[in-house]
Amino acid sequence: MTTGDDPDRGDPQVDDGYDLDRKLVAQVLDAVDRDDKQALTDLLEDLHAADIADLLEQVNSYDRARLIRLYDREFDGEILSELDESIREEVIATLNPSVLAEAVRELETDDVVDLVEDLEEPQQEAILDVLEDSDRVAVEQSLSYPENSAGRLMQREVVMAPEHWNVGQAIDYMRESEDLPEQFYHVVLVDPRLHPIGNVTLGRIMGTKREVPLTDLLEESFQVIPADQDEEDVAYAFNQYHLISAPVVDVEGRLAGVITIDDAMVVLDEEHEEDILRLAGVGEESSLADKVIETTKRRFPWLAVNLATAVLASLVIAQFEATITQFVALAVLMPIVASMGGNAGTQSLTVAVRAMATRDLTGSNVWRVIRREVLVGLVNGVIFAVVMGIVGVIWFGSPMLGGVIAAAMVINLVVAGLAGTVIPVLLEKMNIDPALASGAFVTTVTDVVGFFAFLGLAAAVLL
């Protein structure tokens, strides 16, 4: 995808993969400064909606508002669905009401649901009011399902056919229909009570003779998704069973909609992003577009937790004040022990949390994984113990000091591997999100054990 035939306008996919070209962003802002609507339209004409959404996210609020007003009726509904939630409400408030109405009418019902579910009630009503009656009913029905459920994720536009039809009847129906979804992958076969019984791919329909019954073309891989199922479980099913689309059913088992792979992959991406943000203790809704106050409020509690754990580690150090006073070299080497333990614990923790998120870490293999991480910590501990033992001898001329830090290194890395795996497992058993809470506990354990082992051994051996 390019931005046009003019080589000076830049290609958003050149040099940095699919990143927007900085020259293009500068040209867009220049067009906005000059109030040149035609130049702006020409620059954005060939960009994908996702690229325009990226551009809106990268500029500041003032330039974003001016760009939206100048772009005016060229604003596409797909841009709204691609925007980060952190600025979507701001963009909707900036759009001309008539432009917003036209943009929303272009969207599939699942995109409209995604658009309005996090908005304040007045903005929700403003968007729902511009929909056709049938679309509004469909969106409101989807919103009646629990948040983060399949019912919220599904689109109501679905192509279905009676189980007794043949290929010819299905083709004729699709050719004559005026309201087919813009993109779909399967025709869902249903029984007389609208219970889905299987999927038939469009490729097999188009490649088969007209008289062949659709039931002869059913896909082997077929999953039915309950409307109240958690969207995380839906995404897992798509990934696990390599689904392209899956029908969604209500409490009576009747076809209510369909979920497609693009929606499932968005959920997977969001889950990965949440895990990363939680592991860092910055909150699952953090964004580059957040204000300073919002970001500060999200990060402060976890910094406070880290302060408390640091105080605990300092109390351990205080117990060996006399030892440190006699052997100043201990103060030099302490950060090395703590840092190695913290990094090793974070490595094990990250692997464990990710495996739990993908359901690869289960009760059947948890002890094998714990044993592996402990052994990895032991092997790495021995290797680095040899290195630090030699450093201790050469640097401080004390074989005993080298032996102390070597032993402390082994102990801390073994404990780091154990804590990095066991703590998230225990937290999950207690129904506490391991991605959110594990980091502080693992850091505390590795710091406390590392300092206690190093200083305790030093006190016992060197004094």
Protein backbone atom coordinates (compact mmCIF):
# COMPACT_ATOMS: atom_id res chain seq x y z
CA MET A 1 0.00 0.00 0.00
CA THR A 2 1.40 3.38 -0.95
CA THR A 3 0.38 6.94 -0.40
CA GLY A 4 0.13 7.72 -4.09
CA ASP A 5 2.24 8.24 -7.20
CA ASP A 6 4.13 11.29 -5.93
CA PRO A 7 7.54 10.04 -4.75
CA ASP A 8 7.93 13.05 -2.48
CA ARG A 9 4.91 12.14 -0.42
CA GLY A 10 6.53 9.09 1.17
CA ASP A 11 5.40 5.54 1.63
CA PRO A 12 4.24 4.50 5.11
CA GLN A 13 5.80 1.08 4.58
CA VAL A 14 9.27 2.12 3.47
CA ASP A 15 12.36 1.79 5.69
CA ASP A 16 10.51 0.97 8.94
CA GLY A 17 8.23 -1.82 7.77
CA TYR A 18 4.66 -0.62 8.26
CA ASP A 19 5.45 2.44 10.36
CA LEU A 20 4.19 5.78 9.08
CA ASP A 21 6.84 7.76 7.27
CA ARG A 22 7.86 10.83 9.29
CA LYS A 23 7.92 12.93 6.13
CA LEU A 24 4.30 12.01 5.45
CA VAL A 25 3.27 13.01 8.97
CA ALA A 26 5.05 16.36 8.52
CA GLN A 27 3.29 16.94 5.19
CA VAL A 28 -0.09 16.15 6.76
CA LEU A 29 0.50 18.63 9.57
CA ASP A 30 1.69 21.22 7.05
CA ALA A 31 -1.56 20.80 5.08
CA VAL A 32 -3.50 21.26 8.33
CA ASP A 33 -1.52 24.41 9.16
CA ARG A 34 -2.31 25.81 5.70
CA ASP A 35 -5.96 24.78 6.03
CA ASP A 36 -5.56 22.98 2.69
CA LYS A 37 -8.35 20.39 2.61
CA GLN A 38 -7.50 19.12 -0.88
CA ALA A 39 -3.84 18.54 -0.01
CA LEU A 40 -4.85 16.71 3.17
CA THR A 41 -7.33 14.53 1.30
CA ASP A 42 -4.75 13.69 -1.35
CA LEU A 43 -2.19 12.73 1.30
CA LEU A 44 -4.58 10.44 3.16
CA GLU A 45 -6.48 9.10 0.15
CA ASP A 46 -4.52 5.88 -0.31
CA LEU A 47 -3.78 5.23 3.35
CA HIS A 48 -5.44 2.30 5.08
CA ALA A 49 -7.83 3.23 7.89
CA ALA A 50 -5.37 1.70 10.39
CA ASP A 51 -2.61 4.02 9.16
CA ILE A 52 -4.84 7.07 9.49
CA ALA A 53 -5.74 5.93 13.02
CA ASP A 54 -2.01 5.62 13.80
CA LEU A 55 -1.45 9.12 12.49
CA LEU A 56 -4.22 10.52 14.71
CA GLU A 57 -2.70 8.75 17.71
CA GLN A 58 0.77 10.15 17.03
CA VAL A 59 -0.13 13.85 16.85
CA ASN A 60 -1.14 15.97 19.85
CA SER A 61 -4.72 16.81 20.80
CA TYR A 62 -4.65 20.27 19.22
CA ASP A 63 -3.40 19.05 15.82
CA ARG A 64 -5.70 16.03 16.00
CA ALA A 65 -8.79 18.21 16.40
CA ARG A 66 -7.75 20.50 13.53
CA LEU A 67 -7.02 17.52 11.27
CA ILE A 68 -10.41 15.91 11.97
CA ARG A 69 -12.32 19.12 11.30
CA LEU A 70 -10.44 19.74 8.05
CA TYR A 71 -10.80 16.14 6.86
CA ASP A 72 -14.53 16.43 7.59
CA ARG A 73 -16.74 14.21 5.39
CA GLU A 74 -13.82 12.13 4.16
CA PHE A 75 -13.63 10.57 7.64
CA ASP A 76 -14.29 6.84 7.34
CA GLY A 77 -16.03 4.65 9.91
CA GLU A 78 -13.19 2.11 9.79
CA ILE A 79 -10.87 4.75 11.22
CA LEU A 80 -12.99 4.86 14.37
CA SER A 81 -12.80 1.09 14.83
CA GLU A 82 -8.99 1.17 14.42
CA LEU A 83 -8.41 3.96 16.95
CA ASP A 84 -6.94 3.28 20.38
CA GLU A 85 -9.68 3.45 23.00
CA SER A 86 -7.74 6.12 24.89
CA ILE A 87 -8.45 8.76 22.21
CA ARG A 88 -11.56 7.34 20.51
CA GLU A 89 -13.94 9.28 22.75
CA GLU A 90 -12.03 12.50 22.05
CA VAL A 91 -12.23 11.92 18.29
CA ILE A 92 -15.97 11.17 18.43
CA ALA A 93 -16.56 14.39 20.38
CA THR A 94 -14.63 16.36 17.74
CA LEU A 95 -16.40 14.92 14.70
CA ASN A 96 -19.25 16.81 13.08
CA PRO A 97 -22.48 14.95 14.09
CA SER A 98 -23.48 14.36 10.47
CA VAL A 99 -20.00 13.02 9.64
CA LEU A 100 -20.13 10.75 12.69
CA ALA A 101 -23.54 9.45 11.65
CA GLU A 102 -22.36 8.58 8.16
CA ALA A 103 -19.17 6.98 9.47
CA VAL A 104 -21.03 4.77 11.96
CA ARG A 105 -23.55 3.58 9.35
CA GLU A 106 -20.68 2.08 7.35
CA LEU A 107 -19.61 -0.25 10.18
CA GLU A 108 -20.61 -3.84 10.88
CA THR A 109 -22.59 -4.34 14.09
CA ASP A 110 -19.63 -5.85 15.98
CA ASP A 111 -17.54 -2.78 15.20
CA VAL A 112 -20.36 -0.50 16.40
CA VAL A 113 -20.59 -2.48 19.65
CA ASP A 114 -16.86 -2.15 20.16
CA LEU A 115 -17.17 1.55 19.45
CA VAL A 116 -19.97 2.39 21.88
CA GLU A 117 -19.51 -0.03 24.78
CA ASP A 118 -16.89 2.12 26.56
CA LEU A 119 -18.48 5.49 25.81
CA GLU A 120 -20.50 7.62 28.20
CA GLU A 121 -24.28 7.22 27.88
CA PRO A 122 -24.92 10.53 26.00
CA GLN A 123 -22.35 9.59 23.34
CA GLN A 124 -23.75 6.06 23.14
CA GLU A 125 -27.22 7.44 22.47
CA ALA A 126 -25.86 9.87 19.87
CA ILE A 127 -24.37 6.98 17.91
CA LEU A 128 -27.30 4.58 18.37
CA ASP A 129 -29.74 7.26 17.19
CA VAL A 130 -28.12 7.45 13.74
CA LEU A 131 -28.39 3.70 13.08
CA GLU A 132 -31.18 2.09 11.14
CA ASP A 133 -33.79 0.46 13.38
CA SER A 134 -32.65 -3.09 12.60
CA ASP A 135 -29.01 -2.24 13.25
CA ARG A 136 -29.85 -0.42 16.49
CA VAL A 137 -31.79 -3.43 17.78
CA ALA A 138 -28.89 -5.73 16.88
CA VAL A 139 -26.36 -3.50 18.65
CA GLU A 140 -28.53 -3.12 21.75
CA GLN A 141 -28.99 -6.89 21.92
CA SER A 142 -25.23 -7.37 21.74
CA LEU A 143 -24.74 -4.77 24.48
CA SER A 144 -27.13 -6.75 26.69
CA TYR A 145 -24.56 -9.55 26.91
CA PRO A 146 -21.88 -9.45 29.64
CA GLU A 147 -18.83 -7.28 29.01
CA ASN A 148 -15.92 -9.18 27.38
CA SER A 149 -18.25 -11.98 26.26
CA ALA A 150 -18.74 -13.62 22.87
CA GLY A 151 -22.07 -11.81 22.57
CA ARG A 152 -20.25 -8.47 22.60
CA LEU A 153 -17.61 -9.73 20.18
CA MET A 154 -19.86 -11.28 17.53
CA GLN A 155 -21.30 -9.61 14.46
CA ARG A 156 -24.99 -10.08 13.79
CA GLU A 157 -24.57 -10.18 10.01
CA VAL A 158 -24.30 -13.90 9.26
CA VAL A 159 -24.90 -15.96 6.11
CA MET A 160 -26.90 -19.08 6.91
CA ALA A 161 -28.66 -21.73 4.86
CA PRO A 162 -31.11 -24.57 5.65
CA GLU A 163 -29.44 -27.95 6.02
CA HIS A 164 -31.42 -29.40 3.06
CA TRP A 165 -30.06 -26.90 0.49
CA ASN A 166 -27.61 -27.81 -2.22
CA VAL A 167 -24.71 -25.78 -3.64
CA GLY A 168 -26.82 -24.23 -6.40
CA GLN A 169 -29.45 -22.94 -4.00
CA ALA A 170 -26.78 -21.40 -1.77
CA ILE A 171 -25.09 -19.66 -4.71
CA ASP A 172 -28.40 -18.31 -6.03
CA TYR A 173 -29.32 -17.04 -2.56
CA MET A 174 -26.01 -15.20 -2.12
CA ARG A 175 -26.20 -13.66 -5.61
CA GLU A 176 -29.74 -12.39 -5.03
CA SER A 177 -29.19 -11.14 -1.46
CA GLU A 178 -28.66 -7.40 -1.07
CA ASP A 179 -27.41 -7.38 2.51
CA LEU A 180 -24.55 -9.86 2.67
CA PRO A 181 -21.68 -8.94 5.02
CA GLU A 182 -18.75 -7.24 3.29
CA GLN A 183 -16.47 -10.08 4.39
CA PHE A 184 -17.40 -13.62 5.38
CA TYR A 185 -15.77 -17.02 5.12
CA HIS A 186 -18.48 -19.61 5.76
CA VAL A 187 -22.10 -20.36 5.13
CA VAL A 188 -23.57 -21.68 8.39
CA LEU A 189 -25.99 -24.59 7.99
CA VAL A 190 -28.90 -24.56 10.43
CA ASP A 191 -31.70 -26.98 11.28
CA PRO A 192 -35.37 -25.88 11.33
CA ARG A 193 -34.95 -24.55 14.88
CA LEU A 194 -32.00 -22.35 13.81
CA HIS A 195 -29.47 -24.54 15.60
CA PRO A 196 -26.14 -24.44 13.69
CA ILE A 197 -25.01 -27.88 12.53
CA GLY A 198 -21.87 -27.02 10.54
CA ASN A 199 -19.85 -24.63 8.38
CA VAL A 200 -19.28 -24.75 4.64
CA THR A 201 -16.42 -22.66 3.24
CA LEU A 202 -17.06 -20.37 0.29
CA GLY A 203 -14.17 -21.98 -1.57
CA ARG A 204 -15.79 -25.43 -1.46
CA ILE A 205 -19.15 -23.99 -2.53
CA MET A 206 -17.64 -22.24 -5.54
CA GLY A 207 -15.62 -25.31 -6.53
CA THR A 208 -18.45 -27.89 -6.33
CA LYS A 209 -21.27 -28.78 -8.73
CA ARG A 210 -24.64 -27.18 -8.09
CA GLU A 211 -26.54 -30.37 -7.28
CA VAL A 212 -24.22 -31.45 -4.42
CA PRO A 213 -25.89 -31.15 -0.97
CA LEU A 214 -24.24 -28.65 1.36
CA THR A 215 -24.13 -31.30 4.08
CA ASP A 216 -21.56 -33.18 1.96
CA LEU A 217 -19.20 -30.19 2.22
CA LEU A 218 -19.22 -29.61 5.96
CA GLU A 219 -15.89 -28.70 7.55
CA GLU A 220 -14.43 -31.18 10.01
CA SER A 221 -13.32 -28.41 12.37
CA PHE A 222 -16.51 -26.90 13.79
CA GLN A 223 -16.95 -25.12 17.10
CA VAL A 224 -20.10 -23.49 18.46
CA ILE A 225 -19.52 -20.54 20.80
CA PRO A 226 -22.03 -19.74 23.60
CA ALA A 227 -22.89 -16.04 23.63
CA ASP A 228 -21.98 -15.69 27.31
CA GLN A 229 -18.54 -17.31 26.93
CA ASP A 230 -15.59 -15.12 27.93
CA GLU A 231 -13.88 -13.57 24.92
CA GLU A 232 -10.51 -14.81 26.18
CA ASP A 233 -11.81 -18.38 25.89
CA VAL A 234 -13.14 -17.58 22.42
CA ALA A 235 -9.72 -16.35 21.29
CA TYR A 236 -8.10 -19.45 22.77
CA ALA A 237 -10.52 -21.69 20.79
CA PHE A 238 -9.71 -19.88 17.55
CA ASN A 239 -5.99 -20.25 18.16
CA GLN A 240 -6.19 -23.82 19.41
CA TYR A 241 -8.44 -25.20 16.67
CA HIS A 242 -7.29 -22.94 13.81
CA LEU A 243 -10.76 -21.50 13.23
CA ILE A 244 -11.59 -18.91 10.59
CA SER A 245 -15.08 -18.18 11.88
CA ALA A 246 -17.47 -19.74 14.37
CA PRO A 247 -21.21 -19.37 14.97
CA VAL A 248 -22.42 -17.90 18.26
CA VAL A 249 -25.56 -19.30 19.90
CA ASP A 250 -27.94 -17.97 22.54
CA VAL A 251 -29.04 -19.82 25.69
CA GLU A 252 -31.43 -21.95 23.60
CA GLY A 253 -28.74 -22.94 21.13
CA ARG A 254 -30.09 -20.81 18.28
CA LEU A 255 -27.80 -18.96 15.91
CA ALA A 256 -27.27 -15.42 17.18
CA GLY A 257 -24.25 -14.25 15.20
CA VAL A 258 -20.76 -15.14 14.11
CA ILE A 259 -17.23 -14.38 15.29
CA THR A 260 -14.46 -14.11 12.70
CA ILE A 261 -10.75 -14.61 13.08
CA ASP A 262 -9.92 -10.90 12.86
CA ASP A 263 -12.00 -10.22 15.98
CA ALA A 264 -10.46 -13.17 17.82
CA MET A 265 -6.95 -12.00 16.97
CA VAL A 266 -7.74 -8.54 18.33
CA VAL A 267 -8.68 -10.17 21.63
CA LEU A 268 -5.46 -12.20 21.65
CA ASP A 269 -3.45 -9.06 20.96
CA GLU A 270 -5.23 -7.21 23.77
CA GLU A 271 -4.60 -10.08 26.18
CA HIS A 272 -0.88 -10.09 25.32
CA GLU A 273 -0.72 -6.33 25.77
CA GLU A 274 -2.51 -6.51 29.12
CA ASP A 275 -0.11 -9.18 30.38
CA ILE A 276 2.91 -7.08 29.43
CA LEU A 277 1.50 -3.94 31.06
CA ARG A 278 0.49 -5.82 34.20
CA LEU A 279 3.89 -7.45 34.52
CA ALA A 280 5.40 -3.97 34.42
CA GLY A 281 2.88 -2.72 37.00
CA VAL A 282 1.62 0.17 34.86
CA GLY A 283 -2.03 -0.86 34.48
CA GLU A 284 -3.76 -2.68 31.67
CA GLU A 285 -5.28 0.49 30.15
CA SER A 286 -2.07 2.48 29.83
CA SER A 287 -1.48 4.28 26.56
CA LEU A 288 0.92 6.79 25.05
CA ALA A 289 -2.02 9.17 24.70
CA ASP A 290 -2.74 9.23 28.46
CA LYS A 291 -2.39 12.49 30.38
CA VAL A 292 0.34 12.96 33.00
CA ILE A 293 -2.11 12.80 35.92
CA GLU A 294 -3.76 9.59 34.63
CA THR A 295 -0.40 7.90 34.11
CA THR A 296 0.83 8.99 37.54
CA LYS A 297 -2.26 7.60 39.28
CA ARG A 298 -1.88 4.22 37.58
CA ARG A 299 1.81 3.83 38.35
CA PHE A 300 1.90 5.26 41.88
CA PRO A 301 0.35 2.25 43.71
CA TRP A 302 2.87 -0.19 42.26
CA LEU A 303 5.77 2.11 42.96
CA ALA A 304 4.49 2.26 46.55
CA VAL A 305 4.45 -1.55 46.68
CA ASN A 306 8.00 -1.63 45.34
CA LEU A 307 9.04 0.89 47.99
CA ALA A 308 7.62 -1.36 50.69
CA THR A 309 9.50 -4.38 49.35
CA ALA A 310 12.68 -2.33 49.10
CA VAL A 311 12.29 -1.32 52.76
CA LEU A 312 11.93 -5.00 53.66
CA ALA A 313 15.16 -5.81 51.82
CA SER A 314 16.86 -2.89 53.57
CA LEU A 315 15.78 -4.28 56.96
CA VAL A 316 17.58 -7.50 56.10
CA ILE A 317 20.71 -5.52 55.21
CA ALA A 318 20.44 -3.58 58.49
CA GLN A 319 20.73 -6.83 60.45
CA PHE A 320 24.26 -7.24 59.09
CA GLU A 321 25.44 -3.66 59.57
CA ALA A 322 28.43 -4.73 61.67
CA THR A 323 29.52 -7.26 59.08
CA ILE A 324 29.33 -4.70 56.28
CA THR A 325 31.27 -2.19 58.38
CA GLN A 326 34.15 -4.63 58.79
CA PHE A 327 34.08 -5.80 55.16
CA VAL A 328 33.30 -2.82 52.90
CA ALA A 329 33.69 -5.10 49.87
CA LEU A 330 30.31 -6.62 50.79
CA ALA A 331 28.59 -3.31 50.00
CA VAL A 332 30.22 -3.33 46.57
CA LEU A 333 29.12 -6.88 45.77
CA MET A 334 25.58 -6.81 47.23
CA PRO A 335 23.94 -5.17 44.17
CA ILE A 336 25.38 -7.90 41.93
CA VAL A 337 23.71 -10.67 43.93
CA ALA A 338 20.38 -8.83 44.05
CA SER A 339 20.45 -7.90 40.37
CA MET A 340 21.22 -11.43 39.19
CA GLY A 341 18.46 -12.89 41.35
CA GLY A 342 15.94 -10.28 40.20
CA ASN A 343 16.68 -10.86 36.53
CA ALA A 344 16.57 -14.64 36.87
CA GLY A 345 13.26 -14.42 38.74
CA THR A 346 11.79 -12.15 36.07
CA GLN A 347 12.81 -14.59 33.34
CA SER A 348 11.08 -17.52 35.07
CA LEU A 349 8.08 -15.34 35.94
CA THR A 350 7.60 -14.16 32.37
CA VAL A 351 7.74 -17.70 31.00
CA ALA A 352 5.29 -18.94 33.64
CA VAL A 353 2.75 -16.13 33.22
CA ARG A 354 2.82 -16.44 29.43
CA ALA A 355 2.40 -20.24 29.64
CA MET A 356 -0.56 -19.77 31.98
CA ALA A 357 -2.15 -17.26 29.62
CA THR A 358 -1.85 -19.71 26.70
CA ARG A 359 -2.92 -22.61 28.98
CA ASP A 360 0.28 -24.49 28.36
CA LEU A 361 1.07 -24.54 32.08
CA THR A 362 -1.46 -26.83 33.77
CA GLY A 363 -1.78 -29.03 36.81
CA SER A 364 -0.45 -31.97 34.83
CA ASN A 365 2.91 -30.40 34.00
CA VAL A 366 3.39 -27.73 36.69
CA TRP A 367 5.87 -29.78 38.74
CA ARG A 368 7.92 -30.62 35.67
CA VAL A 369 8.10 -26.91 34.79
CA ILE A 370 9.04 -25.96 38.35
CA ARG A 371 11.77 -28.61 38.38
CA ARG A 372 13.09 -27.36 35.06
CA GLU A 373 13.26 -23.74 36.22
CA VAL A 374 15.00 -24.72 39.45
CA LEU A 375 17.57 -26.78 37.53
CA VAL A 376 18.12 -23.90 35.09
CA GLY A 377 18.70 -21.62 38.08
CA LEU A 378 21.12 -24.15 39.56
CA VAL A 379 23.16 -24.51 36.36
CA ASN A 380 23.29 -20.75 35.74
CA GLY A 381 24.05 -20.22 39.41
CA VAL A 382 27.04 -22.57 39.30
CA ILE A 383 28.39 -20.96 36.13
CA PHE A 384 28.13 -17.41 37.48
CA ALA A 385 29.33 -18.56 40.89
CA VAL A 386 32.61 -19.63 39.30
CA VAL A 387 32.87 -16.30 37.50
CA MET A 388 32.11 -14.20 40.60
CA GLY A 389 34.32 -16.39 42.78
CA ILE A 390 37.26 -15.63 40.50
CA VAL A 391 36.29 -11.93 40.44
CA GLY A 392 36.18 -11.89 44.25
CA VAL A 393 39.64 -13.39 44.50
CA ILE A 394 41.22 -11.13 41.86
CA TRP A 395 39.40 -7.93 42.82
CA PHE A 396 39.64 -8.15 46.62
CA GLY A 397 42.37 -10.75 47.06
CA SER A 398 40.18 -12.89 49.32
CA PRO A 399 39.41 -16.52 48.40
CA MET A 400 36.92 -16.69 51.27
CA LEU A 401 35.02 -13.67 49.94
CA GLY A 402 35.00 -15.25 46.47
CA GLY A 403 33.53 -18.43 47.97
CA VAL A 404 30.85 -16.48 49.83
CA ILE A 405 29.58 -14.62 46.79
CA ALA A 406 29.76 -17.83 44.73
CA ALA A 407 27.59 -19.70 47.21
CA ALA A 408 25.15 -16.78 47.50
CA MET A 409 24.87 -16.64 43.71
CA VAL A 410 23.89 -20.32 43.49
CA ILE A 411 21.33 -20.01 46.30
CA ASN A 412 19.72 -16.87 44.88
CA LEU A 413 19.41 -18.13 41.30
CA VAL A 414 17.88 -21.42 42.45
CA VAL A 415 15.38 -19.53 44.62
CA ALA A 416 14.68 -17.11 41.75
CA GLY A 417 13.77 -19.99 39.42
CA LEU A 418 11.54 -21.50 42.10
CA ALA A 419 9.82 -18.24 43.07
CA GLY A 420 9.34 -17.11 39.46
CA THR A 421 7.30 -20.25 38.76
CA VAL A 422 5.62 -21.09 42.06
CA ILE A 423 4.39 -17.59 42.96
CA PRO A 424 2.26 -17.02 39.81
CA VAL A 425 0.82 -20.54 40.13
CA LEU A 426 -0.16 -19.91 43.77
CA LEU A 427 -1.65 -16.51 42.94
CA GLU A 428 -3.80 -18.04 40.20
CA LYS A 429 -5.01 -20.68 42.68
CA MET A 430 -6.07 -17.77 44.92
CA ASN A 431 -7.93 -16.13 41.98
CA ILE A 432 -5.41 -13.26 41.89
CA ASP A 433 -4.14 -12.20 38.48
CA PRO A 434 -0.55 -13.55 38.37
CA ALA A 435 0.47 -11.05 35.69
CA LEU A 436 -0.54 -8.17 37.94
CA ALA A 437 0.81 -9.25 41.33
CA SER A 438 3.67 -11.69 40.76
CA GLY A 439 6.40 -9.16 39.99
CA ALA A 440 6.40 -7.48 43.41
CA PHE A 441 6.43 -10.83 45.26
CA VAL A 442 9.19 -12.35 43.14
CA THR A 443 11.36 -9.25 43.50
CA THR A 444 10.86 -9.29 47.27
CA VAL A 445 11.80 -12.96 47.56
CA THR A 446 14.93 -12.68 45.42
CA ASP A 447 16.12 -9.51 47.19
CA VAL A 448 15.52 -10.82 50.68
CA VAL A 449 16.97 -14.27 49.99
CA GLY A 450 19.90 -12.84 48.04
CA PHE A 451 20.91 -10.35 50.74
CA PHE A 452 20.32 -12.79 53.59
CA ALA A 453 22.31 -15.57 51.91
CA PHE A 454 25.21 -13.30 50.96
CA LEU A 455 25.46 -11.35 54.21
CA GLY A 456 24.61 -14.34 56.39
CA LEU A 457 27.34 -16.45 54.82
CA ALA A 458 29.76 -13.52 55.07
CA ALA A 459 29.01 -13.13 58.76
CA ALA A 460 29.48 -16.85 59.35
CA VAL A 461 32.64 -17.32 57.28
CA LEU A 462 34.49 -14.02 57.35
CA LEU A 463 34.05 -12.89 60.96
